[in-house]
Amino acid sequence: MEESDLFKNITVLSLEQATVLPYLTLRLAEDGANVIRMEHPIYGDPNRRVGDDVLKEDRMFSYYLSINAGKKALTLDIGTPEGQEILKKLMTQLKVDIFATNQLPRNYPKLGIEYEMLKKVKEDIIWLGMTGFGPQSNEAAYDPVLQARGGLMELTGEKGGSPQVMGIPLPDMGASEHGYGLLMKALYKRAVTGQGCRIDLSMFESTVSWLTQAITHTVTFKKKVSRRGNTHEFFSPVSVYETKDGYAYVALGNDKQWETLTKIPGFESLSKKEYERNAGRIADVENLNQAINVITRKFTTGELIHIFNKATIAISKVNAIEEVVEDPLVKPNLIRSKDPKTSLEVTVAPPPCMTPYLKSTNRTLSFPPRFGEHNGEIYGGLLGYSSAQLKEFKEKNII
């Protein structure tokens, strides 16, 4: 088997909406898995109507397009007896390997999607339930709420300023990545033992797991850990500095690098006894950063990058997204997804590590599916329902 085909026989049925689960299943689609997103035939995924109406077409707005390439789409009301029968057929006839949902746990029984229910239909199913605060909780959970409750807002913003949300939805996407890893473990376990499993992933617990330094220093060493702008709790100088034409972020990780910095022409005035050790620099970080800013303003960003790179000191221009996508490490790996109907080509962020499957497709994925786009293909072509049956299901709002 070619490495690019490793996941081609893995089928994922995902009752998904919003961000956390669609981003996770995008990662699986990038591996070449057969991902089928399932939505209610009336309400659907609310995020289909978030962002700009770039296609002038209902339920195909820009936010949805960014994280749903490479999938197929079904509509199904699994809260009806007929919908339950169709769900069981999907599970067995498509040989579903992974069932995933980010519904509230109180909806599991009435929708017939509890792990034990689906295990009776397909014994080796891998079941993933993504919730805000665990399977016992039905609290609503949006990313900013998780940033607030999970301590991320307390750590984000200027020192003495108000707490801020992060620039990306880390609780959403961090939980997606954790879910991806858990599914890989579950697939390995099933390959070894033949057994499926239930995975309950709390976005809140996922978020808290990122607080490594903060929790250890708060609980063990009774240290107050809070936001501090662009500086670092444990290293100095680490911050954003002004240049003639913009900003550069500089990060020094040890005293040897500091010594190197003070020998660069123009930076010699920073060589002081009290700054020789990292602790001394942290103790006087505000004055130190002001002194560095006086020097860096004399250089262009490009000049600083050239000088610091020669000295092996970590530095970067503060890039806008337009500049990030032109980076030679990024641009060749951007994913393209073209709509055969309108010819619109959507650019999708690359995975953290380019997958064999995406390499085999020249870094392309199928266009994000329209609402219920694959009903005919799957219900008619694969499950064997007739056109008359599908028409009746649609009239009853079952599909």
Protein backbone atom coordinates (compact mmCIF):
# COMPACT_ATOMS: atom_id res chain seq x y z
CA MET A 1 0.00 0.00 0.00
CA GLU A 2 1.21 3.48 -0.86
CA GLU A 3 1.68 5.70 2.19
CA SER A 4 -0.72 8.22 0.64
CA ASP A 5 -3.46 5.54 0.74
CA LEU A 6 -3.02 4.71 4.43
CA PHE A 7 -6.30 6.35 5.50
CA LYS A 8 -8.36 5.88 2.34
CA ASN A 9 -10.43 3.08 3.89
CA ILE A 10 -11.06 4.99 7.12
CA THR A 11 -14.60 6.40 7.12
CA VAL A 12 -15.53 9.19 9.52
CA LEU A 13 -19.17 10.13 10.15
CA SER A 14 -19.27 13.44 11.96
CA LEU A 15 -22.33 15.19 13.35
CA GLU A 16 -20.52 18.50 13.39
CA GLN A 17 -20.98 22.24 13.59
CA ALA A 18 -19.06 25.40 14.55
CA THR A 19 -15.24 25.12 14.63
CA VAL A 20 -13.80 22.52 16.97
CA LEU A 21 -15.04 19.36 15.24
CA PRO A 22 -14.98 20.64 11.63
CA TYR A 23 -11.32 21.59 12.09
CA LEU A 24 -10.54 18.14 13.49
CA THR A 25 -12.23 16.38 10.58
CA LEU A 26 -10.41 18.68 8.15
CA ARG A 27 -7.18 17.28 9.60
CA LEU A 28 -8.48 13.76 8.93
CA ALA A 29 -9.49 14.72 5.38
CA GLU A 30 -5.94 15.99 4.86
CA ASP A 31 -4.77 12.47 5.70
CA GLY A 32 -7.04 11.07 3.00
CA ALA A 33 -9.78 9.72 5.26
CA ASN A 34 -13.33 9.54 3.89
CA VAL A 35 -14.98 12.28 5.96
CA ILE A 36 -18.76 12.69 5.87
CA ARG A 37 -20.24 15.64 7.76
CA MET A 38 -23.84 15.20 8.87
CA GLU A 39 -26.23 18.09 9.54
CA HIS A 40 -29.87 18.62 10.46
CA PRO A 41 -31.90 19.10 7.24
CA ILE A 42 -33.47 22.36 8.43
CA TYR A 43 -31.03 23.99 10.84
CA GLY A 44 -27.69 22.73 9.56
CA ASP A 45 -24.36 24.08 10.74
CA PRO A 46 -24.86 27.74 11.80
CA ASN A 47 -21.31 28.51 10.72
CA ARG A 48 -22.35 28.00 7.11
CA ARG A 49 -23.82 31.51 7.41
CA VAL A 50 -20.88 33.16 9.17
CA GLY A 51 -18.47 35.49 7.39
CA ASP A 52 -18.87 36.92 3.90
CA ASP A 53 -21.36 35.67 1.31
CA VAL A 54 -18.57 35.19 -1.23
CA LEU A 55 -20.52 32.80 -3.47
CA LYS A 56 -23.83 34.67 -3.23
CA GLU A 57 -25.23 31.33 -2.17
CA ASP A 58 -26.94 30.38 1.07
CA ARG A 59 -24.98 28.28 3.58
CA MET A 60 -21.67 28.72 1.75
CA PHE A 61 -20.16 31.71 3.56
CA SER A 62 -16.45 32.37 3.94
CA TYR A 63 -15.99 31.13 7.54
CA TYR A 64 -17.37 27.72 6.62
CA LEU A 65 -15.16 27.47 3.53
CA SER A 66 -11.94 27.75 5.55
CA ILE A 67 -12.23 24.47 7.49
CA ASN A 68 -14.46 22.12 5.49
CA ALA A 69 -12.59 21.22 2.32
CA GLY A 70 -12.09 17.56 1.46
CA LYS A 71 -15.38 16.35 2.95
CA LYS A 72 -18.78 15.08 1.86
CA ALA A 73 -22.05 16.39 3.29
CA LEU A 74 -25.31 14.72 4.28
CA THR A 75 -28.47 16.08 5.83
CA LEU A 76 -30.36 13.80 8.21
CA ASP A 77 -32.81 14.27 11.07
CA ILE A 78 -31.64 11.49 13.34
CA GLY A 79 -34.23 12.52 15.93
CA THR A 80 -36.91 10.68 13.90
CA PRO A 81 -37.46 6.90 13.69
CA GLU A 82 -36.76 6.99 9.95
CA GLY A 83 -33.60 9.00 10.55
CA GLN A 84 -32.45 6.46 13.11
CA GLU A 85 -32.88 3.63 10.63
CA ILE A 86 -30.90 5.54 8.02
CA LEU A 87 -28.17 6.27 10.58
CA LYS A 88 -27.85 2.55 11.34
CA LYS A 89 -27.54 1.80 7.63
CA LEU A 90 -24.87 4.46 7.29
CA MET A 91 -22.93 2.93 10.17
CA THR A 92 -23.03 -0.61 8.82
CA GLN A 93 -23.06 -0.25 5.04
CA LEU A 94 -20.40 2.47 4.95
CA LYS A 95 -18.40 0.55 7.57
CA VAL A 96 -17.95 3.70 9.65
CA ASP A 97 -14.73 3.59 11.66
CA ILE A 98 -15.11 6.83 13.61
CA PHE A 99 -18.29 8.53 14.77
CA ALA A 100 -17.78 12.03 16.12
CA THR A 101 -20.10 14.68 17.51
CA ASN A 102 -19.96 18.02 19.30
CA GLN A 103 -23.62 17.96 20.33
CA LEU A 104 -24.51 18.69 23.95
CA PRO A 105 -24.49 15.43 25.96
CA ARG A 106 -28.18 15.78 26.83
CA ASN A 107 -28.91 15.26 23.13
CA TYR A 108 -27.05 11.94 22.85
CA PRO A 109 -29.93 9.64 23.95
CA LYS A 110 -32.72 11.34 21.99
CA LEU A 111 -30.57 11.39 18.85
CA GLY A 112 -29.54 7.78 19.30
CA ILE A 113 -25.84 8.60 19.23
CA GLU A 114 -24.72 7.42 22.67
CA TYR A 115 -21.61 5.26 22.44
CA GLU A 116 -23.38 2.18 23.78
CA MET A 117 -26.20 2.65 21.25
CA LEU A 118 -23.84 2.88 18.29
CA LYS A 119 -21.63 0.08 19.61
CA LYS A 120 -24.63 -2.24 19.26
CA VAL A 121 -24.79 -1.25 15.60
CA LYS A 122 -21.04 -1.49 14.94
CA GLU A 123 -19.10 -3.17 17.70
CA ASP A 124 -15.64 -1.80 16.90
CA ILE A 125 -16.73 1.83 16.46
CA ILE A 126 -14.41 4.56 17.71
CA TRP A 127 -16.67 7.19 19.27
CA LEU A 128 -15.62 10.78 19.97
CA GLY A 129 -17.74 13.26 21.88
CA MET A 130 -16.34 16.80 22.05
CA THR A 131 -17.91 18.95 24.76
CA GLY A 132 -17.18 22.21 26.49
CA PHE A 133 -16.81 20.84 30.00
CA GLY A 134 -17.16 17.06 29.86
CA PRO A 135 -19.97 14.52 29.29
CA GLN A 136 -21.76 15.42 32.54
CA SER A 137 -22.11 19.09 31.56
CA ASN A 138 -24.52 20.76 29.15
CA GLU A 139 -23.06 24.25 29.49
CA ALA A 140 -22.71 26.23 26.29
CA ALA A 141 -19.06 26.65 25.33
CA TYR A 142 -17.69 29.08 22.79
CA ASP A 143 -13.99 29.63 22.35
CA PRO A 144 -13.77 33.06 24.11
CA VAL A 145 -15.67 31.65 27.10
CA LEU A 146 -13.11 28.85 27.32
CA GLN A 147 -10.28 31.37 27.02
CA ALA A 148 -11.80 33.24 29.97
CA ARG A 149 -12.51 30.23 32.19
CA GLY A 150 -9.30 28.45 31.17
CA GLY A 151 -7.01 31.32 32.23
CA LEU A 152 -5.80 32.28 28.76
CA MET A 153 -7.32 35.77 28.93
CA GLU A 154 -5.64 36.35 32.29
CA LEU A 155 -2.33 35.68 30.56
CA THR A 156 -3.02 37.76 27.43
CA GLY A 157 -2.69 41.54 27.18
CA GLU A 158 -0.55 44.36 28.51
CA LYS A 159 0.72 44.35 32.08
CA GLY A 160 -1.82 46.20 34.19
CA GLY A 161 -4.28 46.29 31.29
CA SER A 162 -7.54 44.47 30.74
CA PRO A 163 -7.57 40.76 29.85
CA GLN A 164 -7.67 40.05 26.12
CA VAL A 165 -8.78 37.20 23.89
CA MET A 166 -6.11 35.63 21.72
CA GLY A 167 -5.87 36.26 17.98
CA ILE A 168 -6.78 32.65 17.15
CA PRO A 169 -9.37 30.33 18.75
CA LEU A 170 -6.83 28.17 20.61
CA PRO A 171 -9.36 26.31 22.81
CA ASP A 172 -11.21 25.28 19.65
CA MET A 173 -8.21 24.37 17.54
CA GLY A 174 -6.11 23.07 20.42
CA ALA A 175 -8.91 20.66 21.33
CA SER A 176 -9.12 19.68 17.66
CA GLU A 177 -5.45 18.74 17.67
CA HIS A 178 -5.82 16.84 20.95
CA GLY A 179 -8.81 15.01 19.46
CA TYR A 180 -6.78 14.16 16.38
CA GLY A 181 -4.08 12.58 18.54
CA LEU A 182 -6.61 10.63 20.59
CA LEU A 183 -8.19 9.25 17.43
CA MET A 184 -4.80 8.12 16.15
CA LYS A 185 -4.24 6.28 19.45
CA ALA A 186 -7.70 4.73 19.18
CA LEU A 187 -7.06 3.55 15.62
CA TYR A 188 -3.78 1.98 16.74
CA LYS A 189 -5.49 0.31 19.70
CA ARG A 190 -8.16 -1.10 17.41
CA ALA A 191 -5.55 -2.36 14.96
CA VAL A 192 -3.83 -4.21 17.83
CA THR A 193 -6.84 -5.40 19.86
CA GLY A 194 -9.76 -5.24 17.45
CA GLN A 195 -11.66 -3.11 19.95
CA GLY A 196 -13.20 0.30 19.49
CA CYS A 197 -13.55 2.79 22.33
CA ARG A 198 -15.31 5.85 23.68
CA ILE A 199 -13.43 9.16 23.83
CA ASP A 200 -14.87 12.10 25.77
CA LEU A 201 -12.83 15.23 25.16
CA SER A 202 -13.52 18.37 27.17
CA MET A 203 -12.42 21.57 25.45
CA PHE A 204 -11.94 23.15 28.87
CA GLU A 205 -9.59 20.40 30.05
CA SER A 206 -7.79 20.58 26.72
CA THR A 207 -7.31 24.33 27.23
CA VAL A 208 -6.04 23.96 30.79
CA SER A 209 -3.44 21.42 29.65
CA TRP A 210 -1.58 24.27 27.90
CA LEU A 211 -0.98 26.04 31.25
CA THR A 212 2.24 24.15 32.02
CA GLN A 213 4.41 26.87 33.54
CA ALA A 214 1.45 28.83 34.89
CA ILE A 215 0.04 25.96 36.96
CA THR A 216 3.37 24.74 38.34
CA HIS A 217 4.45 28.22 39.39
CA THR A 218 1.03 29.16 40.77
CA VAL A 219 0.32 26.00 42.75
CA THR A 220 3.78 24.81 43.77
CA PHE A 221 5.70 28.05 44.12
CA LYS A 222 2.79 30.41 44.99
CA LYS A 223 3.81 32.84 42.26
CA LYS A 224 1.29 35.25 40.74
CA VAL A 225 1.26 34.59 37.01
CA SER A 226 -0.55 37.14 34.87
CA ARG A 227 -0.34 39.02 31.57
CA ARG A 228 2.83 40.93 30.83
CA GLY A 229 2.46 42.21 27.29
CA ASN A 230 5.18 41.15 24.85
CA THR A 231 7.77 40.24 27.48
CA HIS A 232 8.56 36.79 28.87
CA GLU A 233 8.19 35.60 32.45
CA PHE A 234 11.52 33.77 32.49
CA PHE A 235 13.76 35.23 29.78
CA SER A 236 14.98 38.73 28.92
CA PRO A 237 15.26 40.47 26.59
CA VAL A 238 12.27 38.96 24.85
CA SER A 239 9.92 41.51 23.31
CA VAL A 240 8.84 43.48 20.28
CA TYR A 241 11.05 46.44 19.43
CA GLU A 242 10.57 49.43 17.16
CA THR A 243 12.64 49.88 14.03
CA LYS A 244 12.90 52.66 11.46
CA ASP A 245 10.17 51.07 9.38
CA GLY A 246 8.14 48.82 11.69
CA TYR A 247 8.67 46.25 14.41
CA ALA A 248 10.86 43.25 15.09
CA TYR A 249 10.49 40.58 17.74
CA VAL A 250 13.71 39.54 19.43
CA ALA A 251 14.12 36.59 21.80
CA LEU A 252 17.25 35.71 23.77
CA GLY A 253 17.28 32.42 25.61
CA ASN A 254 20.50 32.51 27.63
CA ASP A 255 23.38 34.63 28.93
CA LYS A 256 25.71 33.58 26.13
CA GLN A 257 23.34 35.07 23.57
CA TRP A 258 23.17 38.26 25.63
CA GLU A 259 26.95 38.53 25.60
CA THR A 260 26.87 38.12 21.82
CA LEU A 261 24.26 40.88 21.51
CA THR A 262 26.34 43.37 23.50
CA LYS A 263 29.25 42.88 21.11
CA ILE A 264 27.23 43.84 18.03
CA PRO A 265 28.20 47.33 16.80
CA GLY A 266 25.66 49.80 18.15
CA PHE A 267 24.60 47.59 21.05
CA GLU A 268 27.78 47.88 23.15
CA SER A 269 26.16 50.35 25.57
CA LEU A 270 23.98 47.53 26.89
CA SER A 271 27.00 45.75 28.36
CA LYS A 272 26.52 46.29 32.09
CA LYS A 273 27.47 44.16 35.07
CA GLU A 274 23.89 43.97 36.34
CA TYR A 275 22.71 42.62 32.99
CA GLU A 276 25.22 39.77 32.69
CA ARG A 277 22.77 37.26 34.16
CA ASN A 278 19.21 36.63 33.01
CA ALA A 279 17.81 37.34 36.49
CA GLY A 280 19.33 40.81 36.46
CA ARG A 281 17.83 41.58 33.08
CA ILE A 282 14.38 40.40 34.18
CA ALA A 283 14.60 42.52 37.34
CA ASP A 284 15.11 45.67 35.25
CA VAL A 285 13.19 44.61 32.16
CA GLU A 286 11.33 47.89 31.59
CA ASN A 287 14.47 50.04 31.58
CA LEU A 288 16.32 47.44 29.53
CA ASN A 289 13.62 47.33 26.87
CA GLN A 290 13.57 51.11 26.66
CA ALA A 291 17.35 51.13 26.13
CA ILE A 292 17.08 48.47 23.43
CA ASN A 293 14.31 50.42 21.69
CA VAL A 294 16.55 53.50 21.51
CA ILE A 295 19.09 51.41 19.59
CA THR A 296 16.74 49.40 17.36
CA ARG A 297 15.03 52.58 16.12
CA LYS A 298 18.30 53.42 14.34
CA PHE A 299 18.02 50.34 12.10
CA THR A 300 15.51 49.18 9.52
CA THR A 301 13.83 45.87 10.21
CA GLY A 302 15.77 44.25 7.38
CA GLU A 303 19.09 45.52 8.73
CA LEU A 304 18.34 44.15 12.20
CA ILE A 305 17.32 40.77 10.83
CA HIS A 306 20.53 40.54 8.80
CA ILE A 307 22.71 41.52 11.77
CA PHE A 308 20.98 39.26 14.28
CA ASN A 309 20.85 36.27 11.96
CA LYS A 310 24.61 36.52 11.49
CA ALA A 311 24.95 36.49 15.29
CA THR A 312 22.48 33.55 15.64
CA ILE A 313 20.07 35.62 17.71
CA ALA A 314 16.39 34.80 17.16
CA ILE A 315 14.54 37.62 15.44
CA SER A 316 11.56 38.12 13.17
CA LYS A 317 9.71 40.90 11.48
CA VAL A 318 6.18 41.19 12.86
CA ASN A 319 4.40 39.89 9.79
CA ALA A 320 0.89 40.57 8.58
CA ILE A 321 -0.99 37.52 7.31
CA GLU A 322 -0.42 38.74 3.75
CA GLU A 323 3.30 38.38 4.41
CA VAL A 324 3.03 35.03 6.20
CA VAL A 325 1.45 33.36 3.17
CA GLU A 326 4.35 34.58 1.00
CA ASP A 327 6.96 33.00 3.28
CA PRO A 328 8.94 30.40 1.31
CA LEU A 329 8.22 27.84 4.04
CA VAL A 330 4.48 28.46 3.75
CA LYS A 331 3.61 29.38 0.17
CA PRO A 332 4.48 26.01 -1.45
CA ASN A 333 2.34 24.16 1.11
CA LEU A 334 -0.87 26.19 0.95
CA ILE A 335 -3.82 23.95 0.14
CA ARG A 336 -6.05 24.76 -2.83
CA SER A 337 -9.71 23.84 -3.12
CA LYS A 338 -11.56 24.73 -6.33
CA ASP A 339 -15.31 24.90 -6.78
CA PRO A 340 -16.28 23.05 -9.98
CA LYS A 341 -19.53 25.05 -10.10
CA THR A 342 -18.18 28.63 -9.90
CA SER A 343 -14.41 28.10 -10.37
CA LEU A 344 -13.74 29.93 -7.09
CA GLU A 345 -10.48 28.62 -5.65
CA VAL A 346 -10.19 28.77 -1.87
CA THR A 347 -6.78 28.78 -0.21
CA VAL A 348 -6.69 26.68 2.96
CA ALA A 349 -4.03 26.81 5.68
CA PRO A 350 -1.58 23.90 5.44
CA PRO A 351 -1.43 21.13 8.04
CA PRO A 352 1.40 21.28 10.62
CA CYS A 353 3.24 18.60 8.66
CA MET A 354 2.52 17.99 5.00
CA THR A 355 0.72 14.66 4.64
CA PRO A 356 1.52 11.95 2.09
CA TYR A 357 -2.07 12.19 0.86
CA LEU A 358 -1.83 15.93 0.15
CA LYS A 359 1.49 15.40 -1.57
CA SER A 360 -0.18 12.86 -3.84
CA THR A 361 -2.97 15.32 -4.75
CA ASN A 362 -0.56 18.19 -5.40
CA ARG A 363 -1.85 19.88 -2.24
CA THR A 364 -5.48 20.03 -3.33
CA LEU A 365 -8.72 19.04 -1.62
CA SER A 366 -12.26 18.86 -2.93
CA PHE A 367 -14.33 22.00 -2.45
CA PRO A 368 -16.23 22.37 0.85
CA PRO A 369 -19.51 20.55 0.29
CA ARG A 370 -22.80 22.30 -0.18
CA PHE A 371 -25.67 21.60 2.20
CA GLY A 372 -26.69 17.97 1.69
CA GLU A 373 -24.62 17.81 -1.49
CA HIS A 374 -23.95 14.09 -1.27
CA ASN A 375 -27.42 12.89 -0.24
CA GLY A 376 -28.08 11.33 -3.64
CA GLU A 377 -24.65 9.74 -3.94
CA ILE A 378 -24.69 8.16 -0.49
CA TYR A 379 -28.37 7.48 0.26
CA GLY A 380 -29.20 6.47 -3.29
CA GLY A 381 -25.96 5.12 -4.70
CA LEU A 382 -24.49 3.45 -1.61
CA LEU A 383 -27.45 2.68 0.67
CA GLY A 384 -29.79 1.79 -2.19
CA TYR A 385 -32.74 4.08 -1.48
CA SER A 386 -34.85 4.78 -4.56
CA SER A 387 -35.53 8.24 -5.98
CA ALA A 388 -39.12 7.96 -4.75
CA GLN A 389 -37.95 7.15 -1.22
CA LEU A 390 -35.48 10.03 -1.22
CA LYS A 391 -38.21 12.39 -2.42
CA GLU A 392 -40.47 11.23 0.40
CA PHE A 393 -37.67 11.63 2.98
CA LYS A 394 -37.07 15.16 1.74
CA GLU A 395 -40.75 16.09 1.85
CA LYS A 396 -40.86 14.88 5.47
CA ASN A 397 -37.66 16.83 6.29
CA ILE A 398 -35.90 13.60 7.21
CA ILE A 399 -33.07 14.42 4.79
